[in-house]
């Protein structure tokens, strides 16, 4: 089931191919991509981020420390020069959000993982609203600052 307008669309995984929807939105980025993820193993989504990074956009991410493993995209993104950090939350960073050009937010229960896309019952919301994006960016800034303070 889909509900769409100029400002909101929702999708359900696995039937709506959530990873494809996320990639479509990321490909539209022209200035910046900020992301916070609990678990991030999806190579295709990481590939889009890496390609966008080559366009010299602002690119920053925060990932849940306990979910970083050999399957995670953390090291790959980090080694490619993307400013991605481990979270500073003593509990779990449970966000699943991409902020694109500070005007589009992709969020929901969907983790950018194979299970999130192919097996689990998940959802994403794509919100095109600068005010909502501003609020998510404020949360990103708080989480990013906390992560960097812990690393220092």
N, C-alpha and C. Protein backbone atom coordinates (compact mmCIF):
# COMPACT_ATOMS: atom_id res chain seq x y z
N UNK A 1 0.85 -1.18 0.00
CA UNK A 1 0.00 0.00 0.00
C UNK A 1 0.89 1.24 0.00
N UNK A 2 0.58 2.18 -0.83
CA UNK A 2 1.37 3.40 -0.91
C UNK A 2 0.46 4.60 -0.72
N UNK A 3 0.98 5.59 -0.06
CA UNK A 3 0.28 6.85 0.11
C UNK A 3 1.25 7.91 -0.38
N UNK A 4 0.86 8.69 -1.34
CA UNK A 4 1.84 9.65 -1.83
C UNK A 4 1.21 11.00 -2.09
N UNK A 5 2.04 11.97 -2.02
CA UNK A 5 1.71 13.34 -2.37
C UNK A 5 3.04 13.99 -2.71
N UNK A 6 3.06 15.26 -2.86
CA UNK A 6 4.33 15.92 -3.14
C UNK A 6 5.27 15.86 -1.95
N UNK A 7 4.72 15.69 -0.76
CA UNK A 7 5.57 15.77 0.43
C UNK A 7 5.75 14.46 1.18
N UNK A 8 4.97 13.43 0.90
CA UNK A 8 5.06 12.22 1.70
C UNK A 8 4.77 10.98 0.85
N UNK A 9 5.61 9.98 1.03
CA UNK A 9 5.37 8.66 0.42
C UNK A 9 5.77 7.62 1.46
N UNK A 10 5.02 6.53 1.53
CA UNK A 10 5.43 5.46 2.42
C UNK A 10 5.45 4.14 1.68
N UNK A 11 6.36 3.28 2.11
CA UNK A 11 6.57 1.98 1.46
C UNK A 11 6.78 0.93 2.53
N UNK A 12 6.46 -0.31 2.17
CA UNK A 12 6.62 -1.43 3.08
C UNK A 12 7.54 -2.46 2.45
N UNK A 13 8.44 -2.98 3.27
CA UNK A 13 9.37 -4.01 2.83
C UNK A 13 8.82 -5.35 3.31
N UNK A 14 9.07 -6.40 2.58
CA UNK A 14 9.90 -6.46 1.39
C UNK A 14 9.16 -6.14 0.09
N UNK A 15 7.85 -6.08 0.11
CA UNK A 15 7.10 -5.98 -1.15
C UNK A 15 7.35 -4.72 -1.96
N UNK A 16 7.77 -3.63 -1.33
CA UNK A 16 7.98 -2.38 -2.07
C UNK A 16 9.45 -2.09 -2.36
N UNK A 17 10.34 -3.04 -2.12
CA UNK A 17 11.77 -2.86 -2.41
C UNK A 17 12.32 -1.57 -1.81
N UNK A 18 12.32 -1.51 -0.50
CA UNK A 18 12.72 -0.29 0.21
C UNK A 18 14.13 0.18 -0.14
N UNK A 19 15.07 -0.74 -0.31
CA UNK A 19 16.44 -0.33 -0.65
C UNK A 19 16.45 0.43 -1.97
N UNK A 20 15.67 0.00 -2.93
CA UNK A 20 15.60 0.72 -4.22
C UNK A 20 15.04 2.12 -4.03
N UNK A 21 14.04 2.26 -3.18
CA UNK A 21 13.46 3.59 -2.91
C UNK A 21 14.49 4.50 -2.26
N UNK A 22 15.26 3.96 -1.32
CA UNK A 22 16.31 4.76 -0.67
C UNK A 22 17.35 5.18 -1.70
N UNK A 23 17.79 4.25 -2.54
CA UNK A 23 18.80 4.59 -3.56
C UNK A 23 18.27 5.65 -4.52
N UNK A 24 17.02 5.54 -4.92
CA UNK A 24 16.43 6.55 -5.83
C UNK A 24 16.50 7.94 -5.21
N UNK A 25 16.19 8.05 -3.93
CA UNK A 25 16.24 9.35 -3.27
C UNK A 25 17.67 9.84 -3.12
N UNK A 26 18.59 8.96 -2.73
CA UNK A 26 19.99 9.36 -2.58
C UNK A 26 20.58 9.84 -3.90
N UNK A 27 20.19 9.22 -4.99
CA UNK A 27 20.70 9.63 -6.31
C UNK A 27 20.29 11.05 -6.66
N UNK A 28 19.22 11.56 -6.06
CA UNK A 28 18.74 12.92 -6.34
C UNK A 28 19.55 13.99 -5.59
N UNK A 29 20.39 13.58 -4.65
CA UNK A 29 21.15 14.53 -3.83
C UNK A 29 22.03 15.41 -4.73
N UNK A 30 22.05 16.68 -4.41
CA UNK A 30 22.88 17.64 -5.14
C UNK A 30 23.88 18.35 -4.25
N UNK A 31 23.61 18.41 -2.94
CA UNK A 31 24.46 19.17 -2.04
C UNK A 31 24.98 18.37 -0.85
N UNK A 32 24.10 17.54 -0.25
CA UNK A 32 24.51 16.89 0.99
C UNK A 32 23.69 15.63 1.27
N UNK A 33 24.35 14.73 1.99
CA UNK A 33 23.69 13.55 2.54
C UNK A 33 24.22 13.37 3.96
N UNK A 34 23.30 13.32 4.91
CA UNK A 34 23.62 13.01 6.29
C UNK A 34 22.86 11.74 6.63
N UNK A 35 23.48 10.82 7.38
CA UNK A 35 22.75 9.61 7.73
C UNK A 35 23.11 9.14 9.13
N UNK A 36 22.13 8.52 9.77
CA UNK A 36 22.30 7.86 11.06
C UNK A 36 21.67 6.49 10.91
N UNK A 37 22.44 5.44 11.22
CA UNK A 37 21.90 4.10 11.05
C UNK A 37 22.28 3.19 12.21
N UNK A 38 21.36 2.31 12.52
CA UNK A 38 21.60 1.28 13.53
C UNK A 38 22.48 0.19 12.91
N UNK A 39 22.05 -0.33 11.79
CA UNK A 39 22.80 -1.38 11.08
C UNK A 39 22.83 -1.00 9.60
N UNK A 40 24.00 -1.09 8.98
CA UNK A 40 24.15 -0.66 7.58
C UNK A 40 25.07 -1.64 6.88
N UNK A 41 24.48 -2.60 6.18
CA UNK A 41 25.27 -3.59 5.44
C UNK A 41 24.95 -3.57 3.94
N UNK A 42 23.97 -2.78 3.52
CA UNK A 42 23.51 -2.79 2.13
C UNK A 42 24.56 -2.16 1.21
N UNK A 43 25.18 -3.00 0.39
CA UNK A 43 26.24 -2.55 -0.51
C UNK A 43 25.72 -1.57 -1.56
N UNK A 44 24.52 -1.80 -2.09
CA UNK A 44 23.96 -0.92 -3.11
C UNK A 44 23.74 0.49 -2.62
N UNK A 45 23.21 0.63 -1.41
CA UNK A 45 23.01 1.97 -0.83
C UNK A 45 24.37 2.62 -0.58
N UNK A 46 25.31 1.85 -0.06
CA UNK A 46 26.67 2.38 0.14
C UNK A 46 27.28 2.82 -1.18
N UNK A 47 27.05 2.06 -2.25
CA UNK A 47 27.59 2.43 -3.57
C UNK A 47 27.08 3.79 -4.02
N UNK A 48 25.80 4.06 -3.81
CA UNK A 48 25.24 5.36 -4.19
C UNK A 48 25.90 6.46 -3.38
N UNK A 49 26.06 6.23 -2.08
CA UNK A 49 26.73 7.23 -1.23
C UNK A 49 28.16 7.46 -1.70
N UNK A 50 28.87 6.41 -2.04
CA UNK A 50 30.25 6.54 -2.52
C UNK A 50 30.30 7.32 -3.83
N UNK A 51 29.39 7.05 -4.74
CA UNK A 51 29.35 7.80 -6.01
C UNK A 51 29.03 9.27 -5.77
N UNK A 52 28.09 9.53 -4.88
CA UNK A 52 27.74 10.93 -4.57
C UNK A 52 28.91 11.64 -3.89
N UNK A 53 29.68 10.90 -3.11
CA UNK A 53 30.85 11.48 -2.46
C UNK A 53 31.86 11.99 -3.50
N UNK A 54 31.95 11.30 -4.62
CA UNK A 54 32.86 11.72 -5.70
C UNK A 54 32.45 13.05 -6.32
N UNK A 55 31.20 13.46 -6.09
CA UNK A 55 30.72 14.75 -6.60
C UNK A 55 31.02 15.89 -5.63
N UNK A 56 31.83 15.61 -4.61
CA UNK A 56 32.27 16.61 -3.63
C UNK A 56 31.13 17.24 -2.85
N UNK A 57 30.15 16.44 -2.50
CA UNK A 57 29.06 16.92 -1.64
C UNK A 57 29.47 16.80 -0.19
N UNK A 58 28.73 17.49 0.67
CA UNK A 58 28.88 17.28 2.10
C UNK A 58 28.28 15.92 2.42
N UNK A 59 29.06 15.10 3.10
CA UNK A 59 28.64 13.73 3.37
C UNK A 59 29.10 13.38 4.78
N UNK A 60 28.14 13.10 5.67
CA UNK A 60 28.49 12.72 7.03
C UNK A 60 27.53 11.64 7.51
N UNK A 61 28.06 10.73 8.34
CA UNK A 61 27.22 9.68 8.88
C UNK A 61 27.64 9.28 10.27
N UNK A 62 26.67 8.74 11.00
CA UNK A 62 26.92 8.17 12.32
C UNK A 62 26.28 6.79 12.33
N UNK A 63 27.05 5.81 12.79
CA UNK A 63 26.55 4.43 12.82
C UNK A 63 26.68 3.86 14.23
N UNK A 64 25.76 2.99 14.57
CA UNK A 64 25.77 2.30 15.87
C UNK A 64 27.05 1.48 16.01
N UNK A 65 27.81 1.76 17.04
CA UNK A 65 29.10 1.11 17.27
C UNK A 65 28.99 -0.40 17.33
N UNK A 66 28.00 -0.89 18.06
CA UNK A 66 27.88 -2.35 18.25
C UNK A 66 27.46 -3.10 17.00
N UNK A 67 27.04 -2.38 15.96
CA UNK A 67 26.64 -3.03 14.72
C UNK A 67 27.75 -3.00 13.66
N UNK A 68 28.89 -2.40 14.00
CA UNK A 68 29.99 -2.33 13.05
C UNK A 68 30.76 -3.65 13.11
N UNK A 69 30.77 -4.33 11.97
CA UNK A 69 31.43 -5.63 11.87
C UNK A 69 32.02 -5.75 10.46
N UNK A 70 32.52 -6.95 10.13
CA UNK A 70 33.06 -7.16 8.79
C UNK A 70 31.97 -7.05 7.72
N UNK A 71 30.70 -7.14 8.11
CA UNK A 71 29.59 -7.02 7.15
C UNK A 71 29.10 -5.59 7.00
N UNK A 72 29.46 -4.75 7.93
CA UNK A 72 29.03 -3.36 7.94
C UNK A 72 29.73 -2.57 6.83
N UNK A 73 29.08 -1.52 6.37
CA UNK A 73 29.67 -0.64 5.36
C UNK A 73 30.54 0.45 6.00
N UNK A 74 30.67 0.45 7.32
CA UNK A 74 31.41 1.50 8.02
C UNK A 74 32.84 1.67 7.49
N UNK A 75 33.60 0.60 7.50
CA UNK A 75 35.01 0.69 7.09
C UNK A 75 35.13 1.11 5.63
N UNK A 76 34.30 0.57 4.80
CA UNK A 76 34.34 0.90 3.37
C UNK A 76 34.09 2.39 3.15
N UNK A 77 33.07 2.93 3.81
CA UNK A 77 32.77 4.36 3.68
C UNK A 77 33.89 5.19 4.27
N UNK A 78 34.37 4.79 5.44
CA UNK A 78 35.44 5.53 6.12
C UNK A 78 36.71 5.54 5.27
N UNK A 79 37.13 4.39 4.76
CA UNK A 79 38.34 4.31 3.94
C UNK A 79 38.22 5.11 2.66
N UNK A 80 37.01 5.35 2.20
CA UNK A 80 36.79 6.13 0.98
C UNK A 80 36.78 7.63 1.25
N UNK A 81 37.02 8.01 2.49
CA UNK A 81 37.11 9.43 2.83
C UNK A 81 35.80 10.05 3.27
N UNK A 82 34.77 9.25 3.46
CA UNK A 82 33.50 9.80 3.95
C UNK A 82 33.60 9.98 5.45
N UNK A 83 33.10 11.08 5.93
CA UNK A 83 33.12 11.42 7.35
C UNK A 83 32.02 10.62 8.05
N UNK A 84 32.35 9.38 8.40
CA UNK A 84 31.41 8.52 9.12
C UNK A 84 32.05 8.16 10.45
N UNK A 85 31.27 8.29 11.53
CA UNK A 85 31.80 8.05 12.87
C UNK A 85 30.93 7.04 13.62
N UNK A 86 31.55 6.44 14.64
CA UNK A 86 30.82 5.55 15.53
C UNK A 86 30.06 6.41 16.55
N UNK A 87 28.85 5.98 16.87
CA UNK A 87 28.03 6.80 17.76
C UNK A 87 28.64 6.91 19.15
N UNK A 88 28.21 7.94 19.88
CA UNK A 88 28.70 8.17 21.23
C UNK A 88 27.67 7.84 22.29
N UNK A 89 26.57 7.23 21.90
CA UNK A 89 25.51 6.88 22.83
C UNK A 89 25.92 5.62 23.59
N UNK A 90 25.87 5.64 24.92
CA UNK A 90 26.25 4.45 25.69
C UNK A 90 25.24 3.33 25.51
N UNK A 91 24.06 3.65 25.01
CA UNK A 91 23.06 2.63 24.69
C UNK A 91 23.09 2.41 23.19
N UNK A 92 21.96 2.31 22.54
CA UNK A 92 21.93 2.09 21.09
C UNK A 92 21.56 3.35 20.33
N UNK A 93 22.29 3.62 19.27
CA UNK A 93 21.84 4.58 18.27
C UNK A 93 20.87 3.78 17.40
N UNK A 94 19.61 4.08 17.48
CA UNK A 94 18.61 3.26 16.79
C UNK A 94 17.97 3.99 15.62
N UNK A 95 18.48 5.16 15.28
CA UNK A 95 17.97 5.91 14.13
C UNK A 95 18.19 5.13 12.84
N UNK A 96 17.29 5.34 11.92
CA UNK A 96 17.43 4.86 10.54
C UNK A 96 16.97 6.03 9.69
N UNK A 97 17.90 6.90 9.33
CA UNK A 97 17.49 8.13 8.65
C UNK A 97 18.58 8.61 7.69
N UNK A 98 18.12 9.10 6.54
CA UNK A 98 18.96 9.79 5.56
C UNK A 98 18.35 11.16 5.36
N UNK A 99 19.17 12.21 5.44
CA UNK A 99 18.72 13.58 5.22
C UNK A 99 19.41 14.04 3.94
N UNK A 100 18.62 14.37 2.94
CA UNK A 100 19.15 14.68 1.61
C UNK A 100 18.91 16.15 1.30
N UNK A 101 20.00 16.86 1.02
CA UNK A 101 19.95 18.28 0.66
C UNK A 101 19.19 19.12 1.68
N UNK A 102 19.12 18.64 2.91
CA UNK A 102 18.43 19.32 4.01
C UNK A 102 16.99 19.67 3.66
N UNK A 103 16.38 18.85 2.78
CA UNK A 103 14.96 19.06 2.48
C UNK A 103 14.17 17.77 2.31
N UNK A 104 14.86 16.64 2.21
CA UNK A 104 14.20 15.34 2.11
C UNK A 104 14.71 14.44 3.22
N UNK A 105 13.79 13.74 3.88
CA UNK A 105 14.14 12.79 4.94
C UNK A 105 13.59 11.43 4.55
N UNK A 106 14.46 10.42 4.62
CA UNK A 106 14.05 9.03 4.45
C UNK A 106 14.23 8.38 5.81
N UNK A 107 13.15 7.90 6.40
CA UNK A 107 13.21 7.33 7.74
C UNK A 107 12.17 6.22 7.87
N UNK A 108 12.21 5.53 8.96
CA UNK A 108 11.26 4.45 9.23
C UNK A 108 11.98 3.34 9.97
N UNK A 109 11.39 2.16 9.97
CA UNK A 109 12.00 1.04 10.69
C UNK A 109 13.08 0.35 9.86
N UNK A 110 13.15 0.65 8.59
CA UNK A 110 14.07 0.00 7.65
C UNK A 110 15.53 0.29 7.96
N UNK A 111 16.29 -0.76 8.29
CA UNK A 111 17.75 -0.68 8.35
C UNK A 111 18.27 -0.97 6.95
N UNK A 112 19.28 -0.25 6.48
CA UNK A 112 19.85 -0.56 5.16
C UNK A 112 20.67 -1.86 5.21
N UNK A 113 19.93 -2.96 5.27
CA UNK A 113 20.52 -4.29 5.34
C UNK A 113 19.75 -5.22 4.41
N UNK A 114 20.31 -6.38 4.14
CA UNK A 114 19.63 -7.37 3.34
C UNK A 114 18.36 -7.86 4.00
N UNK A 115 18.41 -8.13 5.29
CA UNK A 115 17.22 -8.58 6.02
C UNK A 115 16.15 -7.50 6.03
N UNK A 116 16.57 -6.24 6.21
CA UNK A 116 15.61 -5.14 6.21
C UNK A 116 14.90 -5.01 4.89
N UNK A 117 15.59 -5.33 3.82
CA UNK A 117 15.00 -5.17 2.49
C UNK A 117 14.27 -6.41 2.00
N UNK A 118 14.76 -7.60 2.32
CA UNK A 118 14.24 -8.83 1.70
C UNK A 118 13.42 -9.72 2.62
N UNK A 119 13.63 -9.62 3.95
CA UNK A 119 12.98 -10.58 4.84
C UNK A 119 12.04 -9.95 5.87
N UNK A 120 12.47 -8.88 6.51
CA UNK A 120 11.69 -8.32 7.61
C UNK A 120 10.49 -7.53 7.11
N UNK A 121 9.48 -7.42 7.95
CA UNK A 121 8.41 -6.46 7.72
C UNK A 121 8.92 -5.12 8.21
N UNK A 122 9.15 -4.21 7.29
CA UNK A 122 9.74 -2.90 7.58
C UNK A 122 8.95 -1.82 6.86
N UNK A 123 9.31 -0.57 7.13
CA UNK A 123 8.68 0.54 6.43
C UNK A 123 9.65 1.68 6.27
N UNK A 124 9.40 2.51 5.26
CA UNK A 124 10.11 3.78 5.13
C UNK A 124 9.09 4.87 4.81
N UNK A 125 9.40 6.05 5.26
CA UNK A 125 8.68 7.26 4.89
C UNK A 125 9.66 8.16 4.17
N UNK A 126 9.25 8.71 3.06
CA UNK A 126 10.05 9.71 2.35
C UNK A 126 9.29 11.01 2.51
N UNK A 127 9.91 11.94 3.22
CA UNK A 127 9.27 13.20 3.57
C UNK A 127 10.02 14.33 2.90
N UNK A 128 9.34 15.07 2.06
CA UNK A 128 9.95 16.22 1.38
C UNK A 128 9.39 17.48 2.03
N UNK A 129 10.11 17.94 3.06
CA UNK A 129 9.65 19.09 3.84
C UNK A 129 10.88 19.68 4.54
N UNK A 130 11.19 20.94 4.24
CA UNK A 130 12.40 21.56 4.78
C UNK A 130 12.36 21.69 6.30
N UNK A 131 11.20 21.96 6.87
CA UNK A 131 11.10 22.11 8.32
C UNK A 131 11.36 20.77 9.02
N UNK A 132 10.77 19.71 8.52
CA UNK A 132 11.02 18.40 9.11
C UNK A 132 12.49 18.01 8.90
N UNK A 133 13.02 18.29 7.73
CA UNK A 133 14.44 17.99 7.47
C UNK A 133 15.33 18.79 8.42
N UNK A 134 14.97 20.02 8.72
CA UNK A 134 15.74 20.85 9.64
C UNK A 134 15.77 20.20 11.03
N UNK A 135 14.63 19.69 11.46
CA UNK A 135 14.56 19.06 12.78
C UNK A 135 15.41 17.78 12.82
N UNK A 136 15.35 17.00 11.76
CA UNK A 136 16.20 15.80 11.69
C UNK A 136 17.67 16.18 11.63
N UNK A 137 18.00 17.25 10.94
CA UNK A 137 19.39 17.70 10.86
C UNK A 137 19.88 18.16 12.23
N UNK A 138 19.03 18.80 13.00
CA UNK A 138 19.40 19.19 14.37
C UNK A 138 19.72 17.95 15.21
N UNK A 139 18.90 16.91 15.06
CA UNK A 139 19.17 15.66 15.79
C UNK A 139 20.47 15.03 15.29
N UNK A 140 20.68 15.06 13.97
CA UNK A 140 21.94 14.55 13.43
C UNK A 140 23.11 15.30 14.04
N UNK A 141 23.04 16.63 14.06
CA UNK A 141 24.13 17.44 14.61
C UNK A 141 24.41 17.09 16.06
N UNK A 142 23.36 16.87 16.84
CA UNK A 142 23.53 16.50 18.25
C UNK A 142 24.23 15.15 18.36
N UNK A 143 23.77 14.16 17.60
CA UNK A 143 24.33 12.81 17.64
C UNK A 143 25.77 12.82 17.13
N UNK A 144 26.02 13.55 16.06
CA UNK A 144 27.36 13.65 15.47
C UNK A 144 28.34 14.31 16.44
N UNK A 145 27.90 15.37 17.10
CA UNK A 145 28.74 16.07 18.08
C UNK A 145 29.04 15.15 19.25
N UNK A 146 28.04 14.43 19.73
CA UNK A 146 28.23 13.48 20.83
C UNK A 146 29.23 12.39 20.43
N UNK A 147 29.13 11.90 19.21
CA UNK A 147 30.05 10.87 18.72
C UNK A 147 31.47 11.40 18.66
N UNK A 148 31.65 12.61 18.16
CA UNK A 148 32.99 13.18 18.06
C UNK A 148 33.59 13.51 19.43
N UNK A 149 32.74 13.91 20.38
CA UNK A 149 33.22 14.21 21.74
C UNK A 149 33.74 12.93 22.40
N UNK A 150 33.09 11.82 22.16
CA UNK A 150 33.52 10.56 22.73
C UNK A 150 34.84 10.11 22.12
N UNK A 151 35.00 10.37 20.82
CA UNK A 151 36.22 9.95 20.10
C UNK A 151 37.43 10.78 20.51
N UNK A 152 37.20 11.97 21.03
CA UNK A 152 38.30 12.88 21.37
C UNK A 152 39.02 12.48 22.64
